Amino acid sequence: MKKLFLLILLIGISQYTYAQSRKYISQFSHLQQYYNPGLTANEGSMMRGFVRNQYAGWEGTPLTYFLSAEIDINQVRNRNEVDVMGKNAISITLLNDSYGPFTETELILGYATRIQLSEFTNLRLGLGVNYNTVRLDGNNLNTEQLGDPTVSQFAGNFADMQIVDFNIGMALTHKSYYISYGFHNVNQGQLSKGDIFMDKKPLVGVLLAGFREHLSPSMLLASNVMWRTQVDLPDNVELNLKVLFKDTFWLGLGHRINYANSAHLGFIFDKFRLGYVYELPLNNSFLLPNTTHEFMLAYSIFGTKKGLIW
């Protein structure tokens, strides 16, 4: 328990007015539709799985599991033309995140429509409906939380809260780049029931963009940036740079400004894509010195996407 108290004091997992953590994912470029529903099936019909163990070895540190499926409707109807993108796409996403006394689960149903602007350029619009459950273990509250009258009433007990909210997004996509902006928690958690231990959920803005280009027939360069804004937390800016070699494996580096650096490694096996990240916090960030590990697995449902990583 002392480790849990120290953890929350050191890294400030969340601002408990909202009882919510910020979910960090270094491989954000592989999970585009989670951040912006407009990017649903931007890489075609895919299934994805993801695990992040933050500050491995400490009690109560964030542990994230992610599973999603994206379907391009045109690929279902015309399986012989898997590289021809359709106008409509749907997705289902399940994310489970535990941090300190909280366990949060998100079920997101997404829809995106595509408007073709030119041969390779598309405008995408998307909407996500988010069913969010948050469970509070009152046995793990720290001293700061026990001083909060909204949360402290559940000390020694369990509490559950359910929230329905919405995500929206817009994206401009091209075979060589994409730029998008979206919002999470558009209704700010006002549709809720159960034990009320959150005043509301903050509106989150997400700018996500990427560029890729072949340096040679056997080398592809891919760069991505994410900028998140949230009223109760500092802005979050992340960057990564990867080089794909011979459509077989990639190496890369990532940086979360003021917080962490990461090394990226990935492999492509026909329809499968496997990624791993080793992340270290910066010394001047006052975060726990322990490392973070991320594992990502993606599967192309109707065809291969070799050479097309972001």
Protein backbone atom coordinates (compact mmCIF):
# COMPACT_ATOMS: atom_id res chain seq x y z
CA MET A 1 0.00 0.00 0.00
CA LYS A 2 2.90 2.38 0.69
CA LYS A 3 4.00 1.88 -2.90
CA LEU A 4 0.56 2.89 -4.11
CA PHE A 5 0.60 6.08 -1.99
CA LEU A 6 4.06 6.99 -3.26
CA LEU A 7 3.05 6.30 -6.84
CA ILE A 8 0.12 8.68 -6.80
CA LEU A 9 2.12 11.39 -5.03
CA LEU A 10 4.97 11.13 -7.54
CA ILE A 11 3.22 10.89 -10.87
CA GLY A 12 -0.21 12.40 -10.20
CA ILE A 13 -2.04 9.66 -12.04
CA SER A 14 -5.19 11.70 -12.22
CA GLN A 15 -6.93 14.89 -11.21
CA TYR A 16 -9.60 13.45 -8.92
CA THR A 17 -12.12 16.17 -9.61
CA TYR A 18 -12.73 14.02 -12.66
CA ALA A 19 -11.39 10.72 -11.22
CA GLN A 20 -9.83 9.92 -14.56
CA SER A 21 -6.36 9.12 -15.82
CA ARG A 22 -4.82 10.08 -19.13
CA LYS A 23 -4.12 6.91 -21.10
CA TYR A 24 -0.62 7.02 -22.57
CA ILE A 25 0.12 4.83 -25.61
CA SER A 26 3.49 5.20 -27.34
CA GLN A 27 2.25 3.22 -30.37
CA PHE A 28 -0.64 5.67 -30.88
CA SER A 29 -0.16 5.67 -34.67
CA HIS A 30 -1.29 2.01 -34.81
CA LEU A 31 -4.54 2.75 -32.93
CA GLN A 32 -5.80 5.70 -34.96
CA GLN A 33 -9.52 4.93 -34.76
CA TYR A 34 -9.44 5.01 -30.94
CA TYR A 35 -8.30 8.63 -30.95
CA ASN A 36 -10.43 9.74 -33.91
CA PRO A 37 -13.49 7.81 -35.18
CA GLY A 38 -13.01 9.50 -38.56
CA LEU A 39 -9.92 7.29 -39.05
CA THR A 40 -11.92 4.06 -38.71
CA ALA A 41 -10.61 1.52 -41.28
CA ASN A 42 -8.10 4.04 -42.64
CA GLU A 43 -5.81 1.02 -43.16
CA GLY A 44 -8.63 -1.25 -44.28
CA SER A 45 -10.42 -3.91 -42.25
CA MET A 46 -8.24 -4.69 -39.23
CA MET A 47 -8.29 -6.38 -35.84
CA ARG A 48 -5.94 -5.04 -33.16
CA GLY A 49 -4.83 -6.03 -29.70
CA PHE A 50 -2.65 -4.05 -27.32
CA VAL A 51 -1.18 -4.31 -23.80
CA ARG A 52 0.68 -1.58 -21.89
CA ASN A 53 2.32 -2.19 -18.51
CA GLN A 54 3.36 1.23 -17.21
CA TYR A 55 6.15 1.45 -14.61
CA ALA A 56 6.41 -2.34 -14.43
CA GLY A 57 6.98 -3.73 -10.94
CA TRP A 58 5.04 -1.13 -8.90
CA GLU A 59 1.72 -1.78 -7.23
CA GLY A 60 -1.23 0.23 -8.56
CA THR A 61 0.51 1.47 -11.72
CA PRO A 62 -1.56 1.86 -14.92
CA LEU A 63 -2.21 -1.37 -16.81
CA THR A 64 -4.03 -1.07 -20.13
CA TYR A 65 -5.63 -3.71 -22.38
CA PHE A 66 -7.07 -2.88 -25.81
CA LEU A 67 -9.00 -4.90 -28.41
CA SER A 68 -10.70 -3.58 -31.55
CA ALA A 69 -12.14 -4.55 -34.92
CA GLU A 70 -12.59 -2.17 -37.88
CA ILE A 71 -14.56 -3.16 -40.96
CA ASP A 72 -14.61 -1.40 -44.31
CA ILE A 73 -18.08 -2.27 -45.64
CA ASN A 74 -16.85 -2.35 -49.24
CA GLN A 75 -14.29 -5.03 -48.40
CA VAL A 76 -17.07 -7.25 -47.00
CA ARG A 77 -19.09 -6.89 -50.19
CA ASN A 78 -16.17 -7.12 -52.65
CA ARG A 79 -13.50 -9.38 -51.19
CA ASN A 80 -11.73 -9.58 -54.54
CA GLU A 81 -11.10 -5.84 -54.43
CA VAL A 82 -9.64 -5.51 -50.97
CA ASP A 83 -7.51 -2.47 -51.86
CA VAL A 84 -10.52 -0.39 -52.93
CA MET A 85 -11.76 1.62 -49.97
CA GLY A 86 -15.50 1.99 -49.45
CA LYS A 87 -17.54 4.97 -48.34
CA ASN A 88 -18.56 3.55 -44.97
CA ALA A 89 -16.77 1.79 -42.11
CA ILE A 90 -17.72 0.58 -38.64
CA SER A 91 -15.71 -0.38 -35.56
CA ILE A 92 -15.97 -1.79 -32.08
CA THR A 93 -13.34 -1.04 -29.44
CA LEU A 94 -12.87 -2.37 -25.92
CA LEU A 95 -10.32 -0.77 -23.60
CA ASN A 96 -9.68 -1.66 -19.96
CA ASP A 97 -7.45 0.57 -17.85
CA SER A 98 -6.63 0.15 -14.15
CA TYR A 99 -4.81 2.81 -12.13
CA GLY A 100 -4.67 3.11 -8.35
CA PRO A 101 -8.16 2.51 -6.88
CA PHE A 102 -9.90 2.90 -10.25
CA THR A 103 -10.69 0.38 -13.00
CA GLU A 104 -12.10 1.93 -16.16
CA THR A 105 -13.64 0.09 -19.13
CA GLU A 106 -14.63 1.71 -22.42
CA LEU A 107 -16.82 0.11 -25.09
CA ILE A 108 -16.88 2.30 -28.20
CA LEU A 109 -19.04 1.75 -31.28
CA GLY A 110 -17.73 3.81 -34.19
CA TYR A 111 -18.89 4.82 -37.65
CA ALA A 112 -17.02 6.69 -40.38
CA THR A 113 -17.93 7.89 -43.82
CA ARG A 114 -15.47 8.74 -46.58
CA ILE A 115 -15.79 11.50 -49.19
CA GLN A 116 -13.31 11.10 -52.05
CA LEU A 117 -11.73 14.44 -52.98
CA SER A 118 -9.22 13.17 -55.55
CA GLU A 119 -7.65 9.90 -56.66
CA PHE A 120 -5.66 9.53 -53.44
CA THR A 121 -7.16 12.14 -51.10
CA ASN A 122 -10.21 11.58 -48.89
CA LEU A 123 -12.18 13.49 -46.29
CA ARG A 124 -13.36 11.25 -43.44
CA LEU A 125 -15.99 12.04 -40.82
CA GLY A 126 -16.63 9.86 -37.81
CA LEU A 127 -18.79 9.40 -34.72
CA GLY A 128 -18.23 7.14 -31.72
CA VAL A 129 -20.66 6.21 -28.94
CA ASN A 130 -18.74 5.47 -25.75
CA TYR A 131 -20.16 3.37 -22.91
CA ASN A 132 -17.77 3.90 -20.00
CA THR A 133 -17.86 2.06 -16.67
CA VAL A 134 -15.65 3.14 -13.76
CA ARG A 135 -15.18 1.00 -10.65
CA LEU A 136 -13.75 2.50 -7.46
CA ASP A 137 -12.11 0.31 -4.81
CA GLY A 138 -12.51 2.37 -1.64
CA ASN A 139 -9.98 0.17 0.16
CA ASN A 140 -7.16 1.66 -1.96
CA LEU A 141 -7.84 5.39 -1.48
CA ASN A 142 -4.79 7.45 -0.55
CA THR A 143 -4.70 10.29 1.97
CA GLU A 144 -5.41 12.97 -0.64
CA GLN A 145 -8.47 11.12 -1.93
CA LEU A 146 -9.73 10.53 1.61
CA GLY A 147 -9.85 14.31 1.98
CA ASP A 148 -12.12 14.65 -1.05
CA PRO A 149 -15.76 14.46 0.15
CA THR A 150 -16.97 13.20 -3.25
CA VAL A 151 -14.67 10.16 -3.17
CA SER A 152 -14.12 9.62 0.56
CA GLN A 153 -17.77 8.59 1.13
CA PHE A 154 -16.86 5.28 -0.53
CA ALA A 155 -13.86 4.54 1.73
CA GLY A 156 -13.79 0.86 2.60
CA ASN A 157 -16.45 0.02 -0.03
CA PHE A 158 -16.79 -0.45 -3.76
CA ALA A 159 -18.58 1.95 -6.11
CA ASP A 160 -19.58 1.69 -9.77
CA MET A 161 -20.52 4.40 -12.24
CA GLN A 162 -21.70 4.15 -15.86
CA ILE A 163 -21.40 6.95 -18.40
CA VAL A 164 -22.56 7.29 -22.01
CA ASP A 165 -20.73 9.88 -24.08
CA PHE A 166 -19.70 10.67 -27.64
CA ASN A 167 -16.53 11.07 -29.69
CA ILE A 168 -16.43 12.91 -33.01
CA GLY A 169 -13.67 13.44 -35.55
CA MET A 170 -12.64 14.64 -38.99
CA ALA A 171 -9.62 13.54 -41.02
CA LEU A 172 -7.93 14.34 -44.32
CA THR A 173 -6.18 11.22 -45.58
CA HIS A 174 -3.81 10.44 -48.45
CA LYS A 175 -1.63 7.44 -49.22
CA SER A 176 1.37 9.47 -48.02
CA TYR A 177 -0.10 11.47 -45.12
CA TYR A 178 -3.05 12.08 -42.84
CA ILE A 179 -4.10 14.92 -40.56
CA SER A 180 -7.04 14.72 -38.20
CA TYR A 181 -8.72 16.39 -35.27
CA GLY A 182 -11.27 14.89 -32.92
CA PHE A 183 -13.02 15.34 -29.59
CA HIS A 184 -13.63 12.83 -26.80
CA ASN A 185 -16.31 13.25 -24.13
CA VAL A 186 -18.34 15.73 -26.18
CA ASN A 187 -21.18 15.60 -23.62
CA GLN A 188 -18.67 15.76 -20.73
CA GLY A 189 -20.14 12.76 -18.92
CA GLN A 190 -23.55 14.26 -18.24
CA LEU A 191 -25.39 11.02 -19.12
CA SER A 192 -24.49 8.86 -16.13
CA LYS A 193 -25.94 6.58 -13.49
CA GLY A 194 -24.80 4.55 -10.51
CA ASP A 195 -22.59 5.82 -7.68
CA ILE A 196 -21.65 9.39 -8.52
CA PHE A 197 -18.00 9.96 -7.62
CA MET A 198 -17.11 12.05 -10.69
CA ASP A 199 -18.39 15.60 -11.20
CA LYS A 200 -18.01 15.29 -14.97
CA LYS A 201 -15.60 14.13 -17.65
CA PRO A 202 -13.35 16.70 -19.33
CA LEU A 203 -13.59 17.49 -23.03
CA VAL A 204 -10.47 16.17 -24.77
CA GLY A 205 -9.16 17.47 -28.10
CA VAL A 206 -6.82 15.25 -30.17
CA LEU A 207 -4.71 16.36 -33.14
CA LEU A 208 -3.24 13.32 -34.89
CA ALA A 209 -1.09 13.48 -38.03
CA GLY A 210 1.39 11.35 -39.92
CA PHE A 211 3.59 11.27 -43.02
CA ARG A 212 5.27 8.37 -44.80
CA GLU A 213 7.48 8.09 -47.86
CA HIS A 214 9.79 5.54 -49.43
CA LEU A 215 13.45 6.45 -49.02
CA SER A 216 14.31 3.62 -51.41
CA PRO A 217 12.50 0.55 -52.80
CA SER A 218 13.40 -1.32 -49.60
CA MET A 219 13.03 1.44 -46.97
CA LEU A 220 9.92 3.34 -45.84
CA LEU A 221 10.05 6.29 -43.44
CA ALA A 222 6.97 6.96 -41.27
CA SER A 223 6.59 9.85 -38.80
CA ASN A 224 3.63 10.66 -36.53
CA VAL A 225 2.63 13.31 -34.01
CA MET A 226 -0.19 13.55 -31.46
CA TRP A 227 -1.20 16.64 -29.50
CA ARG A 228 -3.89 16.29 -26.81
CA THR A 229 -5.55 19.08 -24.86
CA GLN A 230 -7.60 18.64 -21.67
CA VAL A 231 -8.72 21.36 -19.25
CA ASP A 232 -7.52 19.59 -16.08
CA LEU A 233 -4.13 18.37 -17.37
CA PRO A 234 -1.13 19.85 -19.21
CA ASP A 235 -1.06 19.44 -22.99
CA ASN A 236 0.32 16.08 -24.11
CA VAL A 237 2.58 16.05 -27.19
CA GLU A 238 4.03 12.80 -28.55
CA LEU A 239 6.16 12.05 -31.61
CA ASN A 240 7.54 8.92 -33.18
CA LEU A 241 9.73 8.10 -36.17
CA LYS A 242 10.02 4.65 -37.73
CA VAL A 243 11.89 3.10 -40.64
CA LEU A 244 10.47 -0.04 -42.26
CA PHE A 245 13.06 -2.30 -43.89
CA LYS A 246 12.16 -4.56 -46.83
CA ASP A 247 8.49 -4.74 -45.79
CA THR A 248 9.65 -7.05 -43.00
CA PHE A 249 10.56 -5.15 -39.80
CA TRP A 250 10.75 -1.63 -38.47
CA LEU A 251 12.91 0.26 -35.99
CA GLY A 252 11.92 3.56 -34.43
CA LEU A 253 12.20 6.14 -31.68
CA GLY A 254 9.51 8.01 -29.77
CA HIS A 255 9.37 11.00 -27.46
CA ARG A 256 6.66 12.22 -25.10
CA ILE A 257 7.63 15.84 -24.48
CA ASN A 258 8.76 16.43 -20.89
CA TYR A 259 7.94 12.85 -19.89
CA ALA A 260 9.55 9.91 -21.68
CA ASN A 261 11.61 8.45 -24.52
CA SER A 262 10.92 5.12 -26.20
CA ALA A 263 12.49 2.60 -28.59
CA HIS A 264 10.25 0.83 -31.12
CA LEU A 265 10.60 -2.55 -32.81
CA GLY A 266 8.12 -4.29 -35.10
CA PHE A 267 7.70 -7.18 -37.52
CA ILE A 268 5.35 -7.83 -40.43
CA PHE A 269 4.23 -11.41 -41.17
CA ASP A 270 1.96 -11.40 -44.21
CA LYS A 271 -1.39 -10.48 -42.60
CA PHE A 272 0.04 -9.92 -39.11
CA ARG A 273 1.86 -6.95 -37.63
CA LEU A 274 3.63 -7.19 -34.27
CA GLY A 275 5.03 -4.18 -32.40
CA TYR A 276 6.94 -3.69 -29.15
CA VAL A 277 7.96 -0.52 -27.29
CA TYR A 278 10.45 -0.09 -24.45
CA GLU A 279 9.82 3.23 -22.71
CA LEU A 280 11.92 5.12 -20.14
CA PRO A 281 10.79 8.24 -18.22
CA LEU A 282 12.95 11.35 -18.35
CA ASN A 283 15.01 12.07 -15.25
CA ASN A 284 13.62 15.60 -14.95
CA SER A 285 9.98 14.50 -15.17
CA PHE A 286 9.81 13.29 -11.53
CA LEU A 287 8.15 10.08 -12.70
CA LEU A 288 8.91 6.63 -11.38
CA PRO A 289 12.21 5.33 -12.82
CA ASN A 290 10.71 1.97 -13.81
CA THR A 291 10.39 1.03 -17.46
CA THR A 292 7.17 0.67 -19.44
CA HIS A 293 6.46 -2.14 -21.92
CA GLU A 294 3.94 -2.11 -24.78
CA PHE A 295 2.93 -4.98 -27.05
CA MET A 296 0.74 -4.54 -30.13
CA LEU A 297 -0.69 -7.12 -32.56
CA ALA A 298 -2.65 -6.21 -35.71
CA TYR A 299 -4.31 -8.48 -38.26
CA SER A 300 -5.47 -7.51 -41.75
CA ILE A 301 -8.81 -9.28 -42.24
CA PHE A 302 -9.25 -9.25 -46.01
CA GLY A 303 -5.78 -8.74 -47.39
CA THR A 304 -2.15 -7.88 -46.72
CA LYS A 305 -1.01 -4.33 -46.02
CA LYS A 306 2.71 -4.90 -46.24
CA GLY A 307 4.75 -1.72 -46.48
CA LEU A 308 1.91 0.49 -45.26
CA ILE A 309 2.67 1.12 -41.60
CA TRP A 310 2.20 4.52 -40.01
